[in-house]
């Protein structure tokens, strides 16, 4: 009985980790797209030079 519970617990942990990793991949892709779009839609400043869309 204990080995069956351990196998079920392991399957549950691996399923949860797989789901979490898939969600994290989609979040990483979304952040990458936003980051790349930031370079394409940079605003121009009053002097005509191109400014960064982010601040750091």
PDB file of N, CA and C in Angstrom:
ATOM      1  N   UNK A   1       0.811  -1.193   0.000  1.00  0.00           N
ATOM      2  CA  UNK A   1       0.000   0.000   0.000  1.00  0.00           C
ATOM      3  C   UNK A   1       0.861   1.267   0.000  1.00  0.00           C
ATOM      4  N   UNK A   2       1.937   1.282   0.773  1.00  0.00           N
ATOM      5  CA  UNK A   2       2.813   2.450   0.844  1.00  0.00           C
ATOM      6  C   UNK A   2       3.495   2.717  -0.502  1.00  0.00           C
ATOM      7  N   UNK A   3       4.007   1.680  -1.209  1.00  0.00           N
ATOM      8  CA  UNK A   3       4.619   1.961  -2.517  1.00  0.00           C
ATOM      9  C   UNK A   3       3.625   2.553  -3.515  1.00  0.00           C
ATOM     10  N   UNK A   4       2.392   2.125  -3.473  1.00  0.00           N
ATOM     11  CA  UNK A   4       1.380   2.677  -4.382  1.00  0.00           C
ATOM     12  C   UNK A   4       1.143   4.151  -4.058  1.00  0.00           C
ATOM     13  N   UNK A   5       1.062   4.485  -2.798  1.00  0.00           N
ATOM     14  CA  UNK A   5       0.883   5.887  -2.410  1.00  0.00           C
ATOM     15  C   UNK A   5       2.092   6.733  -2.797  1.00  0.00           C
ATOM     16  N   UNK A   6       3.281   6.174  -2.660  1.00  0.00           N
ATOM     17  CA  UNK A   6       4.481   6.906  -3.059  1.00  0.00           C
ATOM     18  C   UNK A   6       4.498   7.157  -4.570  1.00  0.00           C
ATOM     19  N   UNK A   7       4.098   6.150  -5.344  1.00  0.00           N
ATOM     20  CA  UNK A   7       4.056   6.317  -6.802  1.00  0.00           C
ATOM     21  C   UNK A   7       3.004   7.361  -7.176  1.00  0.00           C
ATOM     22  N   UNK A   8       1.850   7.323  -6.545  1.00  0.00           N
ATOM     23  CA  UNK A   8       0.816   8.327  -6.819  1.00  0.00           C
ATOM     24  C   UNK A   8       1.278   9.725  -6.418  1.00  0.00           C
ATOM     25  N   UNK A   9       1.952   9.821  -5.294  1.00  0.00           N
ATOM     26  CA  UNK A   9       2.480  11.111  -4.857  1.00  0.00           C
ATOM     27  C   UNK A   9       3.532  11.624  -5.835  1.00  0.00           C
ATOM     28  N   UNK A  10       4.402  10.762  -6.301  1.00  0.00           N
ATOM     29  CA  UNK A  10       5.416  11.150  -7.281  1.00  0.00           C
ATOM     30  C   UNK A  10       4.769  11.594  -8.583  1.00  0.00           C
ATOM     31  N   UNK A  11       3.739  10.880  -9.019  1.00  0.00           N
ATOM     32  CA  UNK A  11       3.034  11.259 -10.246  1.00  0.00           C
ATOM     33  C   UNK A  11       2.375  12.626 -10.082  1.00  0.00           C
ATOM     34  N   UNK A  12       1.802  12.872  -8.928  1.00  0.00           N
ATOM     35  CA  UNK A  12       1.168  14.164  -8.668  1.00  0.00           C
ATOM     36  C   UNK A  12       2.185  15.294  -8.663  1.00  0.00           C
ATOM     37  N   UNK A  13       3.326  15.068  -8.051  1.00  0.00           N
ATOM     38  CA  UNK A  13       4.389  16.087  -8.012  1.00  0.00           C
ATOM     39  C   UNK A  13       4.914  16.367  -9.420  1.00  0.00           C
ATOM     40  N   UNK A  14       5.152  15.313 -10.196  1.00  0.00           N
ATOM     41  CA  UNK A  14       5.663  15.505 -11.557  1.00  0.00           C
ATOM     42  C   UNK A  14       4.634  16.192 -12.451  1.00  0.00           C
ATOM     43  N   UNK A  15       3.357  15.853 -12.276  1.00  0.00           N
ATOM     44  CA  UNK A  15       2.312  16.530 -13.049  1.00  0.00           C
ATOM     45  C   UNK A  15       2.264  18.008 -12.697  1.00  0.00           C
ATOM     46  N   UNK A  16       2.330  18.322 -11.414  1.00  0.00           N
ATOM     47  CA  UNK A  16       2.314  19.714 -10.982  1.00  0.00           C
ATOM     48  C   UNK A  16       3.521  20.483 -11.481  1.00  0.00           C
ATOM     49  N   UNK A  17       4.688  19.846 -11.443  1.00  0.00           N
ATOM     50  CA  UNK A  17       5.902  20.508 -11.934  1.00  0.00           C
ATOM     51  C   UNK A  17       5.822  20.723 -13.437  1.00  0.00           C
ATOM     52  N   UNK A  18       5.285  19.745 -14.151  1.00  0.00           N
ATOM     53  CA  UNK A  18       5.144  19.893 -15.604  1.00  0.00           C
ATOM     54  C   UNK A  18       4.198  21.019 -15.964  1.00  0.00           C
ATOM     55  N   UNK A  19       3.090  21.109 -15.247  1.00  0.00           N
ATOM     56  CA  UNK A  19       2.135  22.189 -15.492  1.00  0.00           C
ATOM     57  C   UNK A  19       2.763  23.536 -15.177  1.00  0.00           C
ATOM     58  N   UNK A  20       3.475  23.621 -14.065  1.00  0.00           N
ATOM     59  CA  UNK A  20       4.122  24.875 -13.670  1.00  0.00           C
ATOM     60  C   UNK A  20       5.184  25.279 -14.694  1.00  0.00           C
ATOM     61  N   UNK A  21       5.935  24.309 -15.184  1.00  0.00           N
ATOM     62  CA  UNK A  21       6.972  24.634 -16.170  1.00  0.00           C
ATOM     63  C   UNK A  21       6.347  25.134 -17.468  1.00  0.00           C
ATOM     64  N   UNK A  22       5.210  24.551 -17.872  1.00  0.00           N
ATOM     65  CA  UNK A  22       4.553  25.010 -19.097  1.00  0.00           C
ATOM     66  C   UNK A  22       4.058  26.448 -18.930  1.00  0.00           C
ATOM     67  N   UNK A  23       3.480  26.744 -17.767  1.00  0.00           N
ATOM     68  CA  UNK A  23       3.014  28.110 -17.500  1.00  0.00           C
ATOM     69  C   UNK A  23       4.191  29.078 -17.484  1.00  0.00           C
ATOM     70  N   UNK A  24       5.303  28.674 -16.870  1.00  0.00           N
ATOM     71  CA  UNK A  24       6.476  29.548 -16.824  1.00  0.00           C
ATOM     72  C   UNK A  24       7.048  29.793 -18.216  1.00  0.00           C
ATOM     73  N   UNK A  25       6.989  28.794 -19.095  1.00  0.00           N
ATOM     74  CA  UNK A  25       7.448  28.999 -20.475  1.00  0.00           C
ATOM     75  C   UNK A  25       6.593  30.045 -21.170  1.00  0.00           C
ATOM     76  N   UNK A  26       5.261  29.980 -20.989  1.00  0.00           N
ATOM     77  CA  UNK A  26       4.389  30.963 -21.628  1.00  0.00           C
ATOM     78  C   UNK A  26       4.632  32.359 -21.066  1.00  0.00           C
ATOM     79  N   UNK A  27       4.876  32.460 -19.769  1.00  0.00           N
ATOM     80  CA  UNK A  27       5.184  33.759 -19.169  1.00  0.00           C
ATOM     81  C   UNK A  27       6.501  34.296 -19.718  1.00  0.00           C
ATOM     82  N   UNK A  28       7.495  33.428 -19.865  1.00  0.00           N
ATOM     83  CA  UNK A  28       8.792  33.851 -20.403  1.00  0.00           C
ATOM     84  C   UNK A  28       8.649  34.334 -21.841  1.00  0.00           C
ATOM     85  N   UNK A  29       7.839  33.660 -22.635  1.00  0.00           N
ATOM     86  CA  UNK A  29       7.626  34.080 -24.028  1.00  0.00           C
ATOM     87  C   UNK A  29       6.925  35.437 -24.060  1.00  0.00           C
ATOM     88  N   UNK A  30       5.931  35.643 -23.201  1.00  0.00           N
ATOM     89  CA  UNK A  30       5.218  36.920 -23.162  1.00  0.00           C
ATOM     90  C   UNK A  30       6.156  38.051 -22.764  1.00  0.00           C
ATOM     91  N   UNK A  31       7.006  37.833 -21.770  1.00  0.00           N
ATOM     92  CA  UNK A  31       7.957  38.862 -21.346  1.00  0.00           C
ATOM     93  C   UNK A  31       8.951  39.168 -22.462  1.00  0.00           C
ATOM     94  N   UNK A  32       9.396  38.151 -23.166  1.00  0.00           N
ATOM     95  CA  UNK A  32      10.327  38.357 -24.276  1.00  0.00           C
ATOM     96  C   UNK A  32       9.688  39.187 -25.381  1.00  0.00           C
ATOM     97  N   UNK A  33       8.435  38.900 -25.709  1.00  0.00           N
ATOM     98  CA  UNK A  33       7.740  39.662 -26.748  1.00  0.00           C
ATOM     99  C   UNK A  33       7.571  41.116 -26.333  1.00  0.00           C
ATOM    100  N   UNK A  34       7.186  41.346 -25.079  1.00  0.00           N
ATOM    101  CA  UNK A  34       7.032  42.724 -24.591  1.00  0.00           C
ATOM    102  C   UNK A  34       8.369  43.451 -24.606  1.00  0.00           C
ATOM    103  N   UNK A  35       9.419  42.749 -24.214  1.00  0.00           N
ATOM    104  CA  UNK A  35      10.752  43.355 -24.202  1.00  0.00           C
ATOM    105  C   UNK A  35      11.195  43.730 -25.611  1.00  0.00           C
ATOM    106  N   UNK A  36      10.954  42.830 -26.578  1.00  0.00           N
ATOM    107  CA  UNK A  36      11.335  43.125 -27.957  1.00  0.00           C
ATOM    108  C   UNK A  36      10.479  44.245 -28.551  1.00  0.00           C
ATOM    109  N   UNK A  37       9.196  44.266 -28.231  1.00  0.00           N
ATOM    110  CA  UNK A  37       8.335  45.345 -28.723  1.00  0.00           C
ATOM    111  C   UNK A  37       8.760  46.694 -28.160  1.00  0.00           C
ATOM    112  N   UNK A  38       9.321  46.702 -26.979  1.00  0.00           N
ATOM    113  CA  UNK A  38       9.784  47.950 -26.380  1.00  0.00           C
ATOM    114  C   UNK A  38      10.861  48.622 -27.204  1.00  0.00           C
ATOM    115  N   UNK A  39      11.696  47.834 -27.858  1.00  0.00           N
ATOM    116  CA  UNK A  39      12.728  48.421 -28.700  1.00  0.00           C
ATOM    117  C   UNK A  39      12.163  48.943 -30.013  1.00  0.00           C
ATOM    118  N   UNK A  40      11.037  48.390 -30.449  1.00  0.00           N
ATOM    119  CA  UNK A  40      10.452  48.831 -31.707  1.00  0.00           C
ATOM    120  C   UNK A  40       9.597  50.082 -31.554  1.00  0.00           C
ATOM    121  N   UNK A  41       9.015  50.271 -30.391  1.00  0.00           N
ATOM    122  CA  UNK A  41       8.104  51.405 -30.194  1.00  0.00           C
ATOM    123  C   UNK A  41       8.677  52.419 -29.218  1.00  0.00           C
ATOM    124  N   UNK A  42       9.967  52.624 -29.289  1.00  0.00           N
ATOM    125  CA  UNK A  42      10.584  53.642 -28.433  1.00  0.00           C
ATOM    126  C   UNK A  42      10.113  55.012 -28.874  1.00  0.00           C
ATOM    127  N   UNK A  43       9.840  55.860 -27.920  1.00  0.00           N
ATOM    128  CA  UNK A  43       9.381  57.211 -28.259  1.00  0.00           C
ATOM    129  C   UNK A  43      10.571  58.114 -28.522  1.00  0.00           C
ATOM    130  N   UNK A  44      10.328  59.175 -29.260  1.00  0.00           N
ATOM    131  CA  UNK A  44      11.384  60.156 -29.523  1.00  0.00           C
ATOM    132  C   UNK A  44      11.263  61.286 -28.522  1.00  0.00           C
ATOM    133  N   UNK A  45      12.379  61.825 -28.146  1.00  0.00           N
ATOM    134  CA  UNK A  45      12.361  62.951 -27.202  1.00  0.00           C
ATOM    135  C   UNK A  45      12.304  64.267 -27.972  1.00  0.00           C
ATOM    136  N   UNK A  46      12.321  65.369 -27.249  1.00  0.00           N
ATOM    137  CA  UNK A  46      12.191  66.691 -27.881  1.00  0.00           C
ATOM    138  C   UNK A  46      13.395  67.028 -28.746  1.00  0.00           C
ATOM    139  N   UNK A  47      14.560  66.469 -28.434  1.00  0.00           N
ATOM    140  CA  UNK A  47      15.760  66.794 -29.208  1.00  0.00           C
ATOM    141  C   UNK A  47      15.880  65.942 -30.456  1.00  0.00           C
ATOM    142  N   UNK A  48      14.976  64.998 -30.637  1.00  0.00           N
ATOM    143  CA  UNK A  48      15.028  64.168 -31.829  1.00  0.00           C
ATOM    144  C   UNK A  48      15.794  62.872 -31.640  1.00  0.00           C
ATOM    145  N   UNK A  49      16.470  62.725 -30.512  1.00  0.00           N
ATOM    146  CA  UNK A  49      17.173  61.476 -30.269  1.00  0.00           C
ATOM    147  C   UNK A  49      16.198  60.449 -29.734  1.00  0.00           C
ATOM    148  N   UNK A  50      16.483  59.216 -29.990  1.00  0.00           N
ATOM    149  CA  UNK A  50      15.579  58.160 -29.526  1.00  0.00           C
ATOM    150  C   UNK A  50      15.877  57.840 -28.067  1.00  0.00           C
ATOM    151  N   UNK A  51      14.829  57.782 -27.274  1.00  0.00           N
ATOM    152  CA  UNK A  51      14.977  57.533 -25.846  1.00  0.00           C
ATOM    153  C   UNK A  51      14.578  56.103 -25.521  1.00  0.00           C
ATOM    154  N   UNK A  52      15.042  55.635 -24.393  1.00  0.00           N
ATOM    155  CA  UNK A  52      14.646  54.295 -23.942  1.00  0.00           C
ATOM    156  C   UNK A  52      13.219  54.328 -23.422  1.00  0.00           C
ATOM    157  N   UNK A  53      12.489  53.239 -23.632  1.00  0.00           N
ATOM    158  CA  UNK A  53      11.120  53.163 -23.129  1.00  0.00           C
ATOM    159  C   UNK A  53      11.082  52.682 -21.688  1.00  0.00           C
ATOM    160  N   UNK A  54      12.201  52.185 -21.197  1.00  0.00           N
ATOM    161  CA  UNK A  54      12.276  51.749 -19.816  1.00  0.00           C
ATOM    162  C   UNK A  54      13.230  52.659 -19.076  1.00  0.00           C
ATOM    163  N   UNK A  55      13.187  52.629 -17.740  1.00  0.00           N
ATOM    164  CA  UNK A  55      14.067  53.481 -16.936  1.00  0.00           C
ATOM    165  C   UNK A  55      14.792  52.650 -15.922  1.00  0.00           C
ATOM    166  N   UNK A  56      16.089  52.519 -16.082  1.00  0.00           N
ATOM    167  CA  UNK A  56      16.978  51.965 -15.061  1.00  0.00           C
ATOM    168  C   UNK A  56      18.402  52.270 -15.397  1.00  0.00           C
TER     169      UNK A  56
END
